[in-house]
C-alpha atoms as a PDB file:
ATOM      1  CA  MET A   1       0.058  -9.507   2.916  1.00  0.00           C
ATOM      2  CA  ARG A   2       0.103  -6.878   0.157  1.00  0.00           C
ATOM      3  CA  LEU A   3       0.773  -3.287   1.144  1.00  0.00           C
ATOM      4  CA  TRP A   4       0.630  -1.587  -2.227  1.00  0.00           C
ATOM      5  CA  SER A   5       3.176   1.102  -3.054  1.00  0.00           C
ATOM      6  CA  LEU A   6       0.775   2.309  -5.743  1.00  0.00           C
ATOM      7  CA  HIS A   7      -1.596   5.174  -5.022  1.00  0.00           C
ATOM      8  CA  PRO A   8      -4.815   3.784  -3.490  1.00  0.00           C
ATOM      9  CA  ARG A   9      -6.891   5.422  -6.265  1.00  0.00           C
ATOM     10  CA  TYR A  10      -5.883   2.549  -8.546  1.00  0.00           C
ATOM     11  CA  LEU A  11      -7.307  -0.157  -6.285  1.00  0.00           C
ATOM     12  CA  ASP A  12     -10.793  -1.456  -6.914  1.00  0.00           C
ATOM     13  CA  ARG A  13     -13.196  -1.890  -3.997  1.00  0.00           C
ATOM     14  CA  GLN A  14     -11.865  -5.339  -3.144  1.00  0.00           C
ATOM     15  CA  GLY A  15      -8.263  -4.201  -3.366  1.00  0.00           C
ATOM     16  CA  LEU A  16      -8.811  -1.101  -1.253  1.00  0.00           C
ATOM     17  CA  THR A  17     -10.669  -3.058   1.415  1.00  0.00           C
ATOM     18  CA  ALA A  18      -8.000  -5.768   1.497  1.00  0.00           C
ATOM     19  CA  CYS A  19      -5.239  -3.166   1.692  1.00  0.00           C
ATOM     20  CA  TRP A  20      -6.985  -1.525   4.656  1.00  0.00           C
ATOM     21  CA  ARG A  21      -7.319  -4.836   6.500  1.00  0.00           C
ATOM     22  CA  GLU A  22      -3.735  -5.829   5.761  1.00  0.00           C
ATOM     23  CA  GLY A  23      -2.490  -2.376   6.750  1.00  0.00           C
ATOM     24  CA  LEU A  24      -4.262  -2.730  10.092  1.00  0.00           C
ATOM     25  CA  LEU A  25      -2.623  -6.145  10.512  1.00  0.00           C
ATOM     26  CA  ALA A  26       0.765  -4.591   9.709  1.00  0.00           C
ATOM     27  CA  GLN A  27       0.087  -1.867  12.276  1.00  0.00           C
ATOM     28  CA  ALA A  28      -0.675  -4.522  14.908  1.00  0.00           C
ATOM     29  CA  VAL A  29       2.536  -6.370  14.078  1.00  0.00           C
ATOM     30  CA  ILE A  30       4.649  -3.202  14.105  1.00  0.00           C
ATOM     31  CA  GLY A  31       2.964  -2.085  17.327  1.00  0.00           C
ATOM     32  CA  ARG A  32       3.671  -5.524  18.787  1.00  0.00           C
ATOM     33  CA  THR A  33       0.037  -6.293  19.572  1.00  0.00           C
ATOM     34  CA  SER A  34       0.160  -9.321  17.267  1.00  0.00           C
ATOM     35  CA  GLY A  35       2.754 -12.040  16.843  1.00  0.00           C
ATOM     36  CA  GLY A  36       1.772 -13.094  13.342  1.00  0.00           C
ATOM     37  CA  TYR A  37       3.617 -11.908  10.239  1.00  0.00           C
ATOM     38  CA  SER A  38       6.378 -10.388  12.378  1.00  0.00           C
ATOM     39  CA  ASN A  39       9.030 -11.206   9.774  1.00  0.00           C
ATOM     40  CA  HIS A  40       6.993 -10.304   6.701  1.00  0.00           C
ATOM     41  CA  PRO A  41       9.307  -8.720   4.102  1.00  0.00           C
ATOM     42  CA  GLN A  42       6.958  -5.825   3.281  1.00  0.00           C
ATOM     43  CA  LEU A  43       7.252  -4.561   6.850  1.00  0.00           C
ATOM     44  CA  GLN A  44      10.963  -3.827   6.351  1.00  0.00           C
ATOM     45  CA  ARG A  45      10.305  -0.459   4.736  1.00  0.00           C
ATOM     46  CA  PHE A  46       8.177   0.694   7.683  1.00  0.00           C
ATOM     47  CA  ARG A  47      10.525  -0.711  10.305  1.00  0.00           C
ATOM     48  CA  GLY A  48      13.442   1.036   8.595  1.00  0.00           C
ATOM     49  CA  SER A  49      11.867   4.456   9.152  1.00  0.00           C
ATOM     50  CA  ASP A  50      12.548   6.734  12.128  1.00  0.00           C
ATOM     51  CA  ASP A  51       9.073   6.016  13.545  1.00  0.00           C
ATOM     52  CA  PRO A  52       7.635   2.740  12.209  1.00  0.00           C
ATOM     53  CA  LEU A  53       4.235   3.126  13.872  1.00  0.00           C
ATOM     54  CA  ALA A  54       3.813   6.671  12.528  1.00  0.00           C
ATOM     55  CA  SER A  55       4.905   5.440   9.083  1.00  0.00           C
ATOM     56  CA  ILE A  56       2.269   2.713   8.958  1.00  0.00           C
ATOM     57  CA  GLY A  57      -0.197   5.272  10.361  1.00  0.00           C
ATOM     58  CA  SER A  58       0.564   7.589   7.441  1.00  0.00           C
ATOM     59  CA  TYR A  59       0.177   4.666   5.068  1.00  0.00           C
ATOM     60  CA  LEU A  60      -3.242   3.859   6.545  1.00  0.00           C
ATOM     61  CA  HIS A  61      -4.226   7.529   6.255  1.00  0.00           C
ATOM     62  CA  GLY A  62      -3.683   7.345   2.503  1.00  0.00           C
ATOM     63  CA  ILE A  63      -5.968   4.312   2.325  1.00  0.00           C
ATOM     64  CA  VAL A  64      -8.714   5.794   4.494  1.00  0.00           C
ATOM     65  CA  ASP A  65      -8.561   9.123   2.625  1.00  0.00           C
ATOM     66  CA  GLU A  66      -9.245   7.274  -0.626  1.00  0.00           C
ATOM     67  CA  ALA A  67     -12.048   5.315   1.046  1.00  0.00           C
ATOM     68  CA  ASP A  68     -13.605   8.580   2.254  1.00  0.00           C
ATOM     69  CA  ALA A  69     -13.375  10.047  -1.253  1.00  0.00           C
ATOM     70  CA  ARG A  70     -15.375   7.069  -2.556  1.00  0.00           C
ATOM     71  CA  GLY A  71     -17.996   7.271   0.190  1.00  0.00           C
ATOM     72  CA  TYR A  72     -16.801   4.154   2.031  1.00  0.00           C
ATOM     73  CA  ARG A  73     -16.792   4.062   5.819  1.00  0.00           C
ATOM     74  CA  PHE A  74     -13.421   2.854   7.099  1.00  0.00           C
ATOM     75  CA  ALA A  75     -12.809   3.405  10.822  1.00  0.00           C
ATOM     76  CA  ARG A  76     -10.156   6.129  10.850  1.00  0.00           C
ATOM     77  CA  ASP A  77      -9.934   5.831  14.638  1.00  0.00           C
ATOM     78  CA  LYS A  78      -8.243   2.431  14.212  1.00  0.00           C
ATOM     79  CA  ILE A  79      -5.051   4.215  13.178  1.00  0.00           C
ATOM     80  CA  GLN A  80      -2.914   4.017  16.330  1.00  0.00           C
ATOM     81  CA  ARG A  81      -0.458   6.794  15.529  1.00  0.00           C
ATOM     82  CA  PRO A  82      -1.763   9.060  12.805  1.00  0.00           C
ATOM     83  CA  GLY A  83       1.645  10.485  11.961  1.00  0.00           C
ATOM     84  CA  ASN A  84       2.409  12.975   9.241  1.00  0.00           C
ATOM     85  CA  VAL A  85       5.231  10.998   7.675  1.00  0.00           C
ATOM     86  CA  SER A  86       6.169  11.195   4.022  1.00  0.00           C
ATOM     87  CA  GLY A  87       9.167  10.587   1.879  1.00  0.00           C
ATOM     88  CA  LEU A  88       9.804   6.891   2.407  1.00  0.00           C
ATOM     89  CA  PRO A  89      11.573   5.719  -0.740  1.00  0.00           C
ATOM     90  CA  VAL A  90      10.142   3.259  -3.233  1.00  0.00           C
ATOM     91  CA  THR A  91      11.785   2.389  -6.526  1.00  0.00           C
ATOM     92  CA  ASP A  92      10.243   2.956  -9.916  1.00  0.00           C
ATOM     93  CA  GLY A  93      10.969  -0.715 -10.589  1.00  0.00           C
ATOM     94  CA  GLN A  94       8.780  -1.664  -7.633  1.00  0.00           C
ATOM     95  CA  LEU A  95       5.938   0.540  -8.849  1.00  0.00           C
ATOM     96  CA  ASP A  96       6.193  -0.964 -12.328  1.00  0.00           C
ATOM     97  CA  TYR A  97       6.133  -4.481 -10.883  1.00  0.00           C
ATOM     98  CA  GLU A  98       3.085  -3.715  -8.748  1.00  0.00           C
ATOM     99  CA  TRP A  99       1.323  -1.949 -11.630  1.00  0.00           C
ATOM    100  CA  HIS A 100       1.602  -5.028 -13.812  1.00  0.00           C
ATOM    101  CA  TRP A 101       0.607  -7.319 -10.958  1.00  0.00           C
ATOM    102  CA  LEU A 102      -2.462  -5.194 -10.213  1.00  0.00           C
ATOM    103  CA  GLY A 103      -3.375  -5.184 -13.906  1.00  0.00           C
ATOM    104  CA  ALA A 104      -3.281  -8.980 -13.990  1.00  0.00           C
ATOM    105  CA  LYS A 105      -5.451  -9.205 -10.862  1.00  0.00           C
ATOM    106  CA  LEU A 106      -7.964  -6.731 -12.261  1.00  0.00           C
ATOM    107  CA  ALA A 107      -8.108  -8.488 -15.625  1.00  0.00           C
ATOM    108  CA  SER A 108      -9.703 -11.482 -13.932  1.00  0.00           C
ATOM    109  CA  ARG A 109     -11.426  -9.875 -10.935  1.00  0.00           C
ATOM    110  CA  ASN A 110     -12.693  -6.560 -12.265  1.00  0.00           C
ATOM    111  CA  PRO A 111     -12.105  -5.947 -16.004  1.00  0.00           C
ATOM    112  CA  SER A 112     -14.197  -2.771 -16.027  1.00  0.00           C
ATOM    113  CA  TRP A 113     -11.997  -1.225 -13.317  1.00  0.00           C
ATOM    114  CA  LYS A 114      -8.911  -2.225 -15.307  1.00  0.00           C
ATOM    115  CA  GLN A 115     -10.399  -0.473 -18.326  1.00  0.00           C
ATOM    116  CA  ARG A 116     -10.907   2.701 -16.256  1.00  0.00           C
ATOM    117  CA  LEU A 117      -7.146   2.704 -15.616  1.00  0.00           C
ATOM    118  CA  SER A 118      -6.112   2.091 -19.229  1.00  0.00           C
ATOM    119  CA  HIS A 119      -5.105   5.739 -19.725  1.00  0.00           C
ATOM    120  CA  VAL A 120      -2.476   5.582 -16.945  1.00  0.00           C
ATOM    121  CA  GLU A 121       1.009   5.234 -18.374  1.00  0.00           C
ATOM    122  CA  THR A 122       3.059   5.843 -15.228  1.00  0.00           C
ATOM    123  CA  PRO A 123       1.191   5.237 -11.977  1.00  0.00           C
ATOM    124  CA  ASP A 124       1.580   7.484  -8.965  1.00  0.00           C
ATOM    125  CA  ALA A 125       2.903   6.158  -5.683  1.00  0.00           C
ATOM    126  CA  HIS A 126       0.991   6.099  -2.416  1.00  0.00           C
ATOM    127  CA  PRO A 127       1.359   9.579  -0.800  1.00  0.00           C
ATOM    128  CA  LEU A 128       3.706   8.131   1.843  1.00  0.00           C
ATOM    129  CA  PHE A 129       6.338   7.262  -0.746  1.00  0.00           C
ATOM    130  CA  VAL A 130       8.765   9.190  -2.896  1.00  0.00           C
ATOM    131  CA  VAL A 131       9.804   7.429  -6.085  1.00  0.00           C
ATOM    132  CA  ILE A 132      13.489   6.873  -6.733  1.00  0.00           C
ATOM    133  CA  PRO A 133      15.165   5.077  -9.638  1.00  0.00           C
ATOM    134  CA  GLY A 134      15.895   1.426  -9.097  1.00  0.00           C
ATOM    135  CA  PRO A 135      14.858  -2.178  -9.599  1.00  0.00           C
ATOM    136  CA  VAL A 136      12.142  -4.116  -7.794  1.00  0.00           C
ATOM    137  CA  GLU A 137      12.666  -3.703  -4.046  1.00  0.00           C
ATOM    138  CA  PRO A 138      14.791  -6.418  -2.399  1.00  0.00           C
ATOM    139  CA  TRP A 139      11.983  -7.262   0.052  1.00  0.00           C
ATOM    140  CA  GLU A 140       9.536  -8.081  -2.762  1.00  0.00           C
ATOM    141  CA  ARG A 141       8.813 -11.730  -3.418  1.00  0.00           C
ATOM    142  CA  VAL A 142       8.783 -11.609  -7.190  1.00  0.00           C
ATOM    143  CA  GLU A 143       6.239 -13.927  -8.790  1.00  0.00           C
ATOM    144  CA  ARG A 144       7.005 -14.944 -12.315  1.00  0.00           C
END
């Protein structure tokens, strides 16, 4: 499961679609309608919020808003609790880690999309998150 902290605008079609599907899976797990992935580390940041289901709903809103902007048809009505949550923290170290990981994925999967992003020096976070200084998040499974 990969729930990107990066702004969805950086994801190519495959990445955006996968993030939507995995976000819906996370919503099912957080909403207890699915038993799978219940201990997945990336869910910690949503579960640590005041309203986990509204937090994942806000996350999904960011994904579906980007899909709408591109003319894709994601089913917005699948968001169980479309909360208006913002301000969950994410570290700049986490964003940097994800930015490099995404770049490596795009280099092999979609080099032209990677080229479109070559002007970005510091990526924006998903609208749900506020960036704070710090290393890679403790829940991240760092791949070397």
